[in-house]
Amino acid sequence: MRKISYKKLWKLLIDKEMNKQELSQVASISASTLTKMSKGECVNVEMLVRICNALDCELYDVMELVDNEIHEVSDNGQ
Protein backbone atom coordinates (compact mmCIF):
# COMPACT_ATOMS: atom_id res chain seq x y z
CA MET A 1 0.00 0.00 0.00
CA ARG A 2 1.22 3.49 -0.79
CA LYS A 3 0.96 6.62 1.32
CA ILE A 4 1.26 10.33 0.72
CA SER A 5 4.49 12.21 1.34
CA TYR A 6 4.92 15.98 1.50
CA LYS A 7 8.74 15.92 1.65
CA LYS A 8 8.84 17.74 -1.67
CA LEU A 9 6.86 20.60 -0.13
CA TRP A 10 9.20 20.93 2.85
CA LYS A 11 12.21 20.99 0.51
CA LEU A 12 10.50 23.58 -1.69
CA LEU A 13 9.89 25.80 1.35
CA ILE A 14 13.58 25.62 2.22
CA ASP A 15 14.51 26.54 -1.36
CA LYS A 16 12.14 29.52 -1.22
CA GLU A 17 13.42 30.48 2.26
CA MET A 18 9.89 30.27 3.63
CA ASN A 19 8.66 28.72 6.86
CA LYS A 20 5.38 26.93 7.53
CA GLN A 21 3.82 29.96 9.22
CA GLU A 22 4.52 32.11 6.17
CA LEU A 23 3.07 29.41 3.91
CA SER A 24 -0.04 29.29 6.09
CA GLN A 25 -0.52 33.02 5.62
CA VAL A 26 0.14 33.29 1.88
CA ALA A 27 -1.86 30.16 1.02
CA SER A 28 -4.72 30.88 3.45
CA ILE A 29 -4.51 27.49 5.12
CA SER A 30 -4.75 26.71 8.81
CA ALA A 31 -1.97 25.61 11.10
CA SER A 32 -3.91 22.40 11.73
CA THR A 33 -3.75 21.59 8.01
CA LEU A 34 0.03 21.99 8.09
CA THR A 35 0.18 19.82 11.19
CA LYS A 36 -1.70 17.07 9.36
CA MET A 37 0.70 17.38 6.46
CA SER A 38 3.69 17.22 8.80
CA LYS A 39 2.33 13.90 10.05
CA GLY A 40 1.89 12.60 6.50
CA GLU A 41 -1.89 12.68 6.74
CA CYS A 42 -4.23 13.39 3.84
CA VAL A 43 -5.63 16.88 3.40
CA ASN A 44 -8.32 18.33 1.18
CA VAL A 45 -7.28 18.81 -2.45
CA GLU A 46 -8.42 22.44 -2.22
CA MET A 47 -5.70 23.03 0.39
CA LEU A 48 -3.10 21.54 -1.95
CA VAL A 49 -4.31 23.77 -4.78
CA ARG A 50 -4.02 26.83 -2.52
CA ILE A 51 -0.45 25.84 -1.70
CA CYS A 52 0.39 25.36 -5.38
CA ASN A 53 -1.12 28.72 -6.28
CA ALA A 54 0.78 30.46 -3.47
CA LEU A 55 4.09 28.84 -4.44
CA ASP A 56 3.47 28.96 -8.20
CA CYS A 57 4.03 25.24 -8.61
CA GLU A 58 2.22 22.00 -9.52
CA LEU A 59 0.82 19.25 -7.30
CA TYR A 60 3.72 16.94 -8.13
CA ASP A 61 6.07 19.63 -6.76
CA VAL A 62 4.58 19.38 -3.25
CA MET A 63 3.49 15.77 -2.82
CA GLU A 64 4.04 12.24 -4.00
CA LEU A 65 2.88 8.72 -3.29
CA VAL A 66 5.51 6.49 -1.71
CA ASP A 67 5.58 2.84 -0.81
CA ASN A 68 4.58 2.17 2.78
CA GLU A 69 7.40 0.02 4.10
CA ILE A 70 6.14 -2.75 6.33
CA HIS A 71 8.77 -4.40 8.47
CA GLU A 72 7.75 -7.95 9.24
CA VAL A 73 9.36 -10.04 11.97
CA SER A 74 10.40 -13.47 10.79
CA ASP A 75 9.29 -16.62 12.58
CA ASN A 76 12.60 -16.91 14.46
CA GLY A 77 12.31 -13.41 15.94
CA GLN A 78 14.97 -11.74 13.80
PDB file of N, CA and C in Angstrom:
ATOM      1  N   MET A   1       0.847  -1.188   0.000  1.00  0.00           N
ATOM      2  CA  MET A   1       0.000   0.000   0.000  1.00  0.00           C
ATOM      3  C   MET A   1       0.887   1.245   0.000  1.00  0.00           C
ATOM      4  N   ARG A   2       0.443   2.255  -0.706  1.00  0.00           N
ATOM      5  CA  ARG A   2       1.222   3.491  -0.793  1.00  0.00           C
ATOM      6  C   ARG A   2       0.610   4.559   0.104  1.00  0.00           C
ATOM      7  N   LYS A   3       1.436   5.516   0.487  1.00  0.00           N
ATOM      8  CA  LYS A   3       0.963   6.622   1.318  1.00  0.00           C
ATOM      9  C   LYS A   3       1.466   7.931   0.738  1.00  0.00           C
ATOM     10  N   ILE A   4       0.905   9.006   1.229  1.00  0.00           N
ATOM     11  CA  ILE A   4       1.257  10.331   0.724  1.00  0.00           C
ATOM     12  C   ILE A   4       2.479  10.870   1.472  1.00  0.00           C
ATOM     13  N   SER A   5       3.323  11.571   0.748  1.00  0.00           N
ATOM     14  CA  SER A   5       4.494  12.210   1.342  1.00  0.00           C
ATOM     15  C   SER A   5       4.543  13.664   0.876  1.00  0.00           C
ATOM     16  N   TYR A   6       4.805  14.548   1.810  1.00  0.00           N
ATOM     17  CA  TYR A   6       4.924  15.980   1.502  1.00  0.00           C
ATOM     18  C   TYR A   6       6.379  16.452   1.596  1.00  0.00           C
ATOM     19  N   LYS A   7       7.326  15.537   1.549  1.00  0.00           N
ATOM     20  CA  LYS A   7       8.741  15.916   1.647  1.00  0.00           C
ATOM     21  C   LYS A   7       9.131  16.926   0.573  1.00  0.00           C
ATOM     22  N   LYS A   8       8.545  16.791  -0.594  1.00  0.00           N
ATOM     23  CA  LYS A   8       8.841  17.739  -1.672  1.00  0.00           C
ATOM     24  C   LYS A   8       8.434  19.157  -1.274  1.00  0.00           C
ATOM     25  N   LEU A   9       7.311  19.286  -0.581  1.00  0.00           N
ATOM     26  CA  LEU A   9       6.857  20.603  -0.126  1.00  0.00           C
ATOM     27  C   LEU A   9       7.841  21.193   0.862  1.00  0.00           C
ATOM     28  N   TRP A  10       8.281  20.404   1.825  1.00  0.00           N
ATOM     29  CA  TRP A  10       9.198  20.929   2.853  1.00  0.00           C
ATOM     30  C   TRP A  10      10.520  21.360   2.210  1.00  0.00           C
ATOM     31  N   LYS A  11      10.987  20.608   1.221  1.00  0.00           N
ATOM     32  CA  LYS A  11      12.207  20.992   0.514  1.00  0.00           C
ATOM     33  C   LYS A  11      11.995  22.274  -0.300  1.00  0.00           C
ATOM     34  N   LEU A  12      10.820  22.386  -0.911  1.00  0.00           N
ATOM     35  CA  LEU A  12      10.496  23.584  -1.691  1.00  0.00           C
ATOM     36  C   LEU A  12      10.464  24.822  -0.788  1.00  0.00           C
ATOM     37  N   LEU A  13       9.922  24.674   0.408  1.00  0.00           N
ATOM     38  CA  LEU A  13       9.891  25.798   1.347  1.00  0.00           C
ATOM     39  C   LEU A  13      11.302  26.243   1.712  1.00  0.00           C
ATOM     40  N   ILE A  14      12.185  25.281   1.915  1.00  0.00           N
ATOM     41  CA  ILE A  14      13.583  25.616   2.221  1.00  0.00           C
ATOM     42  C   ILE A  14      14.200  26.376   1.053  1.00  0.00           C
ATOM     43  N   ASP A  15      13.959  25.880  -0.167  1.00  0.00           N
ATOM     44  CA  ASP A  15      14.509  26.542  -1.361  1.00  0.00           C
ATOM     45  C   ASP A  15      13.992  27.973  -1.504  1.00  0.00           C
ATOM     46  N   LYS A  16      12.741  28.194  -1.109  1.00  0.00           N
ATOM     47  CA  LYS A  16      12.137  29.522  -1.224  1.00  0.00           C
ATOM     48  C   LYS A  16      12.352  30.365   0.041  1.00  0.00           C
ATOM     49  N   GLU A  17      13.126  29.808   0.992  1.00  0.00           N
ATOM     50  CA  GLU A  17      13.422  30.484   2.259  1.00  0.00           C
ATOM     51  C   GLU A  17      12.132  30.940   2.939  1.00  0.00           C
ATOM     52  N   MET A  18      11.198  30.006   3.038  1.00  0.00           N
ATOM     53  CA  MET A  18       9.891  30.270   3.630  1.00  0.00           C
ATOM     54  C   MET A  18       9.637  29.241   4.726  1.00  0.00           C
ATOM     55  N   ASN A  19       9.008  29.679   5.815  1.00  0.00           N
ATOM     56  CA  ASN A  19       8.660  28.722   6.858  1.00  0.00           C
ATOM     57  C   ASN A  19       7.175  28.363   6.771  1.00  0.00           C
ATOM     58  N   LYS A  20       6.761  27.415   7.586  1.00  0.00           N
ATOM     59  CA  LYS A  20       5.375  26.934   7.531  1.00  0.00           C
ATOM     60  C   LYS A  20       4.369  28.023   7.899  1.00  0.00           C
ATOM     61  N   GLN A  21       4.724  28.880   8.827  1.00  0.00           N
ATOM     62  CA  GLN A  21       3.817  29.957   9.224  1.00  0.00           C
ATOM     63  C   GLN A  21       3.591  30.919   8.051  1.00  0.00           C
ATOM     64  N   GLU A  22       4.649  31.245   7.347  1.00  0.00           N
ATOM     65  CA  GLU A  22       4.517  32.114   6.174  1.00  0.00           C
ATOM     66  C   GLU A  22       3.667  31.445   5.089  1.00  0.00           C
ATOM     67  N   LEU A  23       3.879  30.146   4.885  1.00  0.00           N
ATOM     68  CA  LEU A  23       3.071  29.414   3.913  1.00  0.00           C
ATOM     69  C   LEU A  23       1.607  29.450   4.313  1.00  0.00           C
ATOM     70  N   SER A  24       1.340  29.249   5.582  1.00  0.00           N
ATOM     71  CA  SER A  24      -0.035  29.286   6.088  1.00  0.00           C
ATOM     72  C   SER A  24      -0.702  30.609   5.746  1.00  0.00           C
ATOM     73  N   GLN A  25       0.027  31.695   5.889  1.00  0.00           N
ATOM     74  CA  GLN A  25      -0.524  33.021   5.617  1.00  0.00           C
ATOM     75  C   GLN A  25      -0.740  33.269   4.126  1.00  0.00           C
ATOM     76  N   VAL A  26       0.263  32.979   3.313  1.00  0.00           N
ATOM     77  CA  VAL A  26       0.136  33.290   1.884  1.00  0.00           C
ATOM     78  C   VAL A  26      -0.820  32.346   1.162  1.00  0.00           C
ATOM     79  N   ALA A  27      -0.976  31.123   1.669  1.00  0.00           N
ATOM     80  CA  ALA A  27      -1.859  30.158   1.023  1.00  0.00           C
ATOM     81  C   ALA A  27      -3.244  30.116   1.659  1.00  0.00           C
ATOM     82  N   SER A  28      -3.431  30.865   2.727  1.00  0.00           N
ATOM     83  CA  SER A  28      -4.715  30.884   3.453  1.00  0.00           C
ATOM     84  C   SER A  28      -5.142  29.490   3.890  1.00  0.00           C
ATOM     85  N   ILE A  29      -4.198  28.790   4.544  1.00  0.00           N
ATOM     86  CA  ILE A  29      -4.510  27.490   5.119  1.00  0.00           C
ATOM     87  C   ILE A  29      -4.215  27.532   6.603  1.00  0.00           C
ATOM     88  N   SER A  30      -4.876  26.683   7.349  1.00  0.00           N
ATOM     89  CA  SER A  30      -4.749  26.709   8.807  1.00  0.00           C
ATOM     90  C   SER A  30      -3.493  25.981   9.271  1.00  0.00           C
ATOM     91  N   ALA A  31      -3.103  26.299  10.482  1.00  0.00           N
ATOM     92  CA  ALA A  31      -1.967  25.615  11.096  1.00  0.00           C
ATOM     93  C   ALA A  31      -2.279  24.136  11.286  1.00  0.00           C
ATOM     94  N   SER A  32      -3.539  23.809  11.539  1.00  0.00           N
ATOM     95  CA  SER A  32      -3.911  22.396  11.726  1.00  0.00           C
ATOM     96  C   SER A  32      -3.740  21.608  10.423  1.00  0.00           C
ATOM     97  N   THR A  33      -3.972  22.251   9.291  1.00  0.00           N
ATOM     98  CA  THR A  33      -3.745  21.586   8.006  1.00  0.00           C
ATOM     99  C   THR A  33      -2.261  21.279   7.834  1.00  0.00           C
ATOM    100  N   LEU A  34      -1.412  22.221   8.180  1.00  0.00           N
ATOM    101  CA  LEU A  34       0.031  21.994   8.093  1.00  0.00           C
ATOM    102  C   LEU A  34       0.483  20.923   9.068  1.00  0.00           C
ATOM    103  N   THR A  35      -0.143  20.856  10.229  1.00  0.00           N
ATOM    104  CA  THR A  35       0.184  19.819  11.193  1.00  0.00           C
ATOM    105  C   THR A  35      -0.155  18.449  10.618  1.00  0.00           C
ATOM    106  N   LYS A  36      -1.321  18.329  10.000  1.00  0.00           N
ATOM    107  CA  LYS A  36      -1.702  17.071   9.355  1.00  0.00           C
ATOM    108  C   LYS A  36      -0.674  16.684   8.300  1.00  0.00           C
ATOM    109  N   MET A  37      -0.272  17.649   7.516  1.00  0.00           N
ATOM    110  CA  MET A  37       0.698  17.381   6.462  1.00  0.00           C
ATOM    111  C   MET A  37       2.043  16.964   7.042  1.00  0.00           C
ATOM    112  N   SER A  38       2.429  17.582   8.143  1.00  0.00           N
ATOM    113  CA  SER A  38       3.687  17.224   8.800  1.00  0.00           C
ATOM    114  C   SER A  38       3.678  15.782   9.285  1.00  0.00           C
ATOM    115  N   LYS A  39       2.488  15.284   9.595  1.00  0.00           N
ATOM    116  CA  LYS A  39       2.331  13.903  10.053  1.00  0.00           C
ATOM    117  C   LYS A  39       2.101  12.934   8.899  1.00  0.00           C
ATOM    118  N   GLY A  40       2.105  13.447   7.659  1.00  0.00           N
ATOM    119  CA  GLY A  40       1.892  12.599   6.503  1.00  0.00           C
ATOM    120  C   GLY A  40       0.446  12.190   6.304  1.00  0.00           C
ATOM    121  N   GLU A  41      -0.471  12.974   6.881  1.00  0.00           N
ATOM    122  CA  GLU A  41      -1.894  12.677   6.741  1.00  0.00           C
ATOM    123  C   GLU A  41      -2.456  13.358   5.500  1.00  0.00           C
ATOM    124  N   CYS A  42      -3.572  12.830   5.012  1.00  0.00           N
ATOM    125  CA  CYS A  42      -4.228  13.395   3.837  1.00  0.00           C
ATOM    126  C   CYS A  42      -4.925  14.700   4.191  1.00  0.00           C
ATOM    127  N   VAL A  43      -4.917  15.621   3.250  1.00  0.00           N
ATOM    128  CA  VAL A  43      -5.634  16.883   3.398  1.00  0.00           C
ATOM    129  C   VAL A  43      -6.503  17.091   2.165  1.00  0.00           C
ATOM    130  N   ASN A  44      -7.413  18.013   2.268  1.00  0.00           N
ATOM    131  CA  ASN A  44      -8.324  18.333   1.182  1.00  0.00           C
ATOM    132  C   ASN A  44      -7.540  18.825  -0.035  1.00  0.00           C
ATOM    133  N   VAL A  45      -7.958  18.403  -1.211  1.00  0.00           N
ATOM    134  CA  VAL A  45      -7.283  18.813  -2.449  1.00  0.00           C
ATOM    135  C   VAL A  45      -7.301  20.334  -2.598  1.00  0.00           C
ATOM    136  N   GLU A  46      -8.349  20.973  -2.143  1.00  0.00           N
ATOM    137  CA  GLU A  46      -8.424  22.435  -2.221  1.00  0.00           C
ATOM    138  C   GLU A  46      -7.246  23.077  -1.491  1.00  0.00           C
ATOM    139  N   MET A  47      -6.834  22.499  -0.361  1.00  0.00           N
ATOM    140  CA  MET A  47      -5.700  23.031   0.386  1.00  0.00           C
ATOM    141  C   MET A  47      -4.411  22.876  -0.428  1.00  0.00           C
ATOM    142  N   LEU A  48      -4.278  21.753  -1.114  1.00  0.00           N
ATOM    143  CA  LEU A  48      -3.099  21.543  -1.952  1.00  0.00           C
ATOM    144  C   LEU A  48      -3.068  22.524  -3.119  1.00  0.00           C
ATOM    145  N   VAL A  49      -4.227  22.800  -3.688  1.00  0.00           N
ATOM    146  CA  VAL A  49      -4.310  23.771  -4.783  1.00  0.00           C
ATOM    147  C   VAL A  49      -3.943  25.161  -4.284  1.00  0.00           C
ATOM    148  N   ARG A  50      -4.386  25.525  -3.092  1.00  0.00           N
ATOM    149  CA  ARG A  50      -4.018  26.831  -2.522  1.00  0.00           C
ATOM    150  C   ARG A  50      -2.511  26.936  -2.353  1.00  0.00           C
ATOM    151  N   ILE A  51      -1.897  25.852  -1.873  1.00  0.00           N
ATOM    152  CA  ILE A  51      -0.447  25.842  -1.696  1.00  0.00           C
ATOM    153  C   ILE A  51       0.244  26.005  -3.043  1.00  0.00           C
ATOM    154  N   CYS A  52      -0.211  25.263  -4.037  1.00  0.00           N
ATOM    155  CA  CYS A  52       0.392  25.358  -5.376  1.00  0.00           C
ATOM    156  C   CYS A  52       0.236  26.754  -5.963  1.00  0.00           C
ATOM    157  N   ASN A  53      -0.909  27.351  -5.776  1.00  0.00           N
ATOM    158  CA  ASN A  53      -1.119  28.716  -6.276  1.00  0.00           C
ATOM    159  C   ASN A  53      -0.201  29.698  -5.560  1.00  0.00           C
ATOM    160  N   ALA A  54      -0.058  29.546  -4.251  1.00  0.00           N
ATOM    161  CA  ALA A  54       0.783  30.457  -3.471  1.00  0.00           C
ATOM    162  C   ALA A  54       2.262  30.314  -3.836  1.00  0.00           C
ATOM    163  N   LEU A  55       2.682  29.090  -4.144  1.00  0.00           N
ATOM    164  CA  LEU A  55       4.094  28.837  -4.440  1.00  0.00           C
ATOM    165  C   LEU A  55       4.382  28.799  -5.934  1.00  0.00           C
ATOM    166  N   ASP A  56       3.342  29.000  -6.753  1.00  0.00           N
ATOM    167  CA  ASP A  56       3.472  28.964  -8.203  1.00  0.00           C
ATOM    168  C   ASP A  56       4.127  27.661  -8.653  1.00  0.00           C
ATOM    169  N   CYS A  57       3.493  26.547  -8.269  1.00  0.00           N
ATOM    170  CA  CYS A  57       4.027  25.236  -8.611  1.00  0.00           C
ATOM    171  C   CYS A  57       2.880  24.276  -8.913  1.00  0.00           C
ATOM    172  N   GLU A  58       3.199  23.043  -9.203  1.00  0.00           N
ATOM    173  CA  GLU A  58       2.219  22.005  -9.516  1.00  0.00           C
ATOM    174  C   GLU A  58       2.096  21.033  -8.350  1.00  0.00           C
ATOM    175  N   LEU A  59       1.031  20.227  -8.368  1.00  0.00           N
ATOM    176  CA  LEU A  59       0.815  19.247  -7.301  1.00  0.00           C
ATOM    177  C   LEU A  59       2.013  18.318  -7.125  1.00  0.00           C
ATOM    178  N   TYR A  60       2.595  17.863  -8.233  1.00  0.00           N
ATOM    179  CA  TYR A  60       3.724  16.944  -8.134  1.00  0.00           C
ATOM    180  C   TYR A  60       4.968  17.592  -7.535  1.00  0.00           C
ATOM    181  N   ASP A  61       4.957  18.931  -7.398  1.00  0.00           N
ATOM    182  CA  ASP A  61       6.068  19.633  -6.756  1.00  0.00           C
ATOM    183  C   ASP A  61       5.963  19.615  -5.235  1.00  0.00           C
ATOM    184  N   VAL A  62       4.780  19.305  -4.698  1.00  0.00           N
ATOM    185  CA  VAL A  62       4.575  19.383  -3.250  1.00  0.00           C
ATOM    186  C   VAL A  62       4.232  18.048  -2.603  1.00  0.00           C
ATOM    187  N   MET A  63       3.866  17.055  -3.403  1.00  0.00           N
ATOM    188  CA  MET A  63       3.487  15.770  -2.819  1.00  0.00           C
ATOM    189  C   MET A  63       3.818  14.634  -3.767  1.00  0.00           C
ATOM    190  N   GLU A  64       3.862  13.435  -3.199  1.00  0.00           N
ATOM    191  CA  GLU A  64       4.044  12.237  -3.998  1.00  0.00           C
ATOM    192  C   GLU A  64       3.526  11.036  -3.223  1.00  0.00           C
ATOM    193  N   LEU A  65       3.264   9.969  -3.928  1.00  0.00           N
ATOM    194  CA  LEU A  65       2.878   8.719  -3.294  1.00  0.00           C
ATOM    195  C   LEU A  65       4.121   7.861  -3.159  1.00  0.00           C
ATOM    196  N   VAL A  66       4.331   7.319  -1.967  1.00  0.00           N
ATOM    197  CA  VAL A  66       5.506   6.492  -1.709  1.00  0.00           C
ATOM    198  C   VAL A  66       5.062   5.149  -1.159  1.00  0.00           C
ATOM    199  N   ASP A  67       5.886   4.154  -1.352  1.00  0.00           N
ATOM    200  CA  ASP A  67       5.583   2.838  -0.806  1.00  0.00           C
ATOM    201  C   ASP A  67       5.624   2.889   0.706  1.00  0.00           C
ATOM    202  N   ASN A  68       4.642   2.269   1.321  1.00  0.00           N
ATOM    203  CA  ASN A  68       4.578   2.174   2.776  1.00  0.00           C
ATOM    204  C   ASN A  68       5.364   0.936   3.168  1.00  0.00           C
ATOM    205  N   GLU A  69       6.550   1.147   3.736  1.00  0.00           N
ATOM    206  CA  GLU A  69       7.404   0.017   4.100  1.00  0.00           C
ATOM    207  C   GLU A  69       6.865  -0.664   5.337  1.00  0.00           C
ATOM    208  N   ILE A  70       6.618  -1.956   5.211  1.00  0.00           N
ATOM    209  CA  ILE A  70       6.138  -2.749   6.332  1.00  0.00           C
ATOM    210  C   ILE A  70       7.260  -3.694   6.713  1.00  0.00           C
ATOM    211  N   HIS A  71       7.700  -3.560   7.960  1.00  0.00           N
ATOM    212  CA  HIS A  71       8.769  -4.402   8.466  1.00  0.00           C
ATOM    213  C   HIS A  71       8.141  -5.584   9.196  1.00  0.00           C
ATOM    214  N   GLU A  72       8.301  -6.757   8.632  1.00  0.00           N
ATOM    215  CA  GLU A  72       7.751  -7.952   9.240  1.00  0.00           C
ATOM    216  C   GLU A  72       8.820  -8.676  10.017  1.00  0.00           C
ATOM    217  N   VAL A  73       8.436  -9.249  11.145  1.00  0.00           N
ATOM    218  CA  VAL A  73       9.356 -10.041  11.965  1.00  0.00           C
ATOM    219  C   VAL A  73       9.263 -11.486  11.493  1.00  0.00           C
ATOM    220  N   SER A  74      10.402 -12.082  11.241  1.00  0.00           N
ATOM    221  CA  SER A  74      10.398 -13.471  10.787  1.00  0.00           C
ATOM    222  C   SER A  74      10.015 -14.404  11.925  1.00  0.00           C
ATOM    223  N   ASP A  75       9.730 -15.624  11.587  1.00  0.00           N
ATOM    224  CA  ASP A  75       9.294 -16.618  12.577  1.00  0.00           C
ATOM    225  C   ASP A  75      10.309 -16.845  13.683  1.00  0.00           C
ATOM    226  N   ASN A  76      11.589 -16.655  13.423  1.00  0.00           N
ATOM    227  CA  ASN A  76      12.600 -16.912  14.456  1.00  0.00           C
ATOM    228  C   ASN A  76      12.922 -15.675  15.275  1.00  0.00           C
ATOM    229  N   GLY A  77      12.152 -14.594  15.104  1.00  0.00           N
ATOM    230  CA  GLY A  77      12.305 -13.414  15.940  1.00  0.00           C
ATOM    231  C   GLY A  77      13.341 -12.414  15.464  1.00  0.00           C
ATOM    232  N   GLN A  78      13.938 -12.647  14.313  1.00  0.00           N
ATOM    233  CA  GLN A  78      14.969 -11.736  13.805  1.00  0.00           C
ATOM    234  C   GLN A  78      14.417 -10.823  12.746  1.00  0.00           C
TER     235      GLN A  78
END
